[in-house]
Protein backbone atom coordinates (compact mmCIF):
# COMPACT_ATOMS: atom_id res chain seq x y z
CA UNK A 1 -0.01 0.01 0.01
CA UNK A 2 1.34 3.41 -0.88
CA UNK A 3 -1.03 5.76 0.89
CA UNK A 4 -3.41 6.08 3.81
CA UNK A 5 -6.24 6.80 1.42
CA UNK A 6 -5.50 3.58 -0.47
CA UNK A 7 -5.68 1.69 2.86
CA UNK A 8 -9.25 3.02 3.36
CA UNK A 9 -10.25 2.29 -0.23
CA UNK A 10 -9.12 -1.32 0.14
CA UNK A 11 -11.09 -1.82 3.35
CA UNK A 12 -8.33 -1.57 5.95
CA UNK A 13 -9.48 -0.72 9.49
CA UNK A 14 -7.56 1.81 11.56
CA UNK A 15 -6.67 0.21 14.87
CA UNK A 16 -4.73 3.03 16.51
CA UNK A 17 -2.04 5.64 15.94
CA UNK A 18 1.19 6.12 17.87
CA UNK A 19 4.26 8.39 17.84
CA UNK A 20 7.84 8.18 19.04
CA UNK A 21 8.49 11.90 18.63
CA UNK A 22 10.06 11.59 15.19
CA UNK A 23 7.50 9.48 13.34
CA UNK A 24 3.76 8.89 13.47
CA UNK A 25 2.68 5.29 13.10
CA UNK A 26 -0.66 4.28 11.66
CA UNK A 27 -1.68 0.81 12.74
CA UNK A 28 -4.21 -1.03 10.51
CA UNK A 29 -5.90 -4.39 10.31
CA UNK A 30 -6.07 -5.50 6.71
CA UNK A 31 -6.72 -8.92 5.20
CA UNK A 32 -6.35 -10.64 8.56
CA UNK A 33 -3.00 -8.99 9.38
CA UNK A 34 -1.76 -6.00 11.25
CA UNK A 35 0.06 -3.48 9.07
CA UNK A 36 1.89 -0.31 10.14
CA UNK A 37 2.70 2.73 8.08
CA UNK A 38 5.16 5.37 9.36
CA UNK A 39 5.53 9.03 8.34
CA UNK A 40 7.74 11.83 9.71
CA UNK A 41 5.93 13.61 12.55
CA UNK A 42 5.55 16.95 10.78
CA UNK A 43 3.03 18.55 8.44
CA UNK A 44 0.61 15.65 8.20
CA UNK A 45 -2.93 15.79 6.89
CA UNK A 46 -5.64 14.79 9.23
CA UNK A 47 -6.90 11.28 8.75
CA UNK A 48 -10.23 12.15 10.34
CA UNK A 49 -12.06 12.75 7.03
CA UNK A 50 -11.33 9.11 6.02
CA UNK A 51 -11.43 7.55 9.50
CA UNK A 52 -13.58 9.58 11.94
CA UNK A 53 -12.14 7.56 14.84
CA UNK A 54 -8.71 9.10 14.10
CA UNK A 55 -9.90 12.36 15.71
CA UNK A 56 -8.98 11.37 19.27
CA UNK A 57 -5.73 9.67 18.26
CA UNK A 58 -4.62 12.80 16.41
CA UNK A 59 -5.62 15.06 19.30
CA UNK A 60 -3.54 12.93 21.69
CA UNK A 61 -0.51 13.11 19.41
CA UNK A 62 -0.94 16.87 18.95
CA UNK A 63 -0.94 17.40 22.70
CA UNK A 64 1.71 14.90 23.73
CA UNK A 65 4.20 15.29 20.84
CA UNK A 66 3.30 18.57 19.14
CA UNK A 67 2.38 16.88 15.85
CA UNK A 68 0.39 19.11 13.53
CA UNK A 69 -2.51 17.59 11.58
CA UNK A 70 -3.71 19.98 8.82
CA UNK A 71 -7.45 20.04 8.47
CA UNK A 72 -8.20 18.47 11.84
CA UNK A 73 -11.88 19.29 12.65
CA UNK A 74 -11.40 19.89 16.37
CA UNK A 75 -7.75 20.54 17.38
CA UNK A 76 -8.49 20.94 21.06
CA UNK A 77 -6.52 19.52 23.99
CA UNK A 78 -7.63 16.27 25.57
CA UNK A 79 -5.66 16.13 28.77
CA UNK A 80 -4.95 19.70 30.00
């Protein structure tokens, strides 16, 4: 798979998102297997339009790691 949009088109389910400070990891379940895609943790587009459940994952990463998700519908803090 080359893109996050392609993952959605092919029916992959977003399990969660994580970050190590340098990269954002998108964890999917696709065709009976877990798959992870990694991208540098800067200037990312929000995945919320494709996967509404990504809203909270992105908000968590914004607050904890300072990752910016362009086009996020509700970029508010979760924890503070």
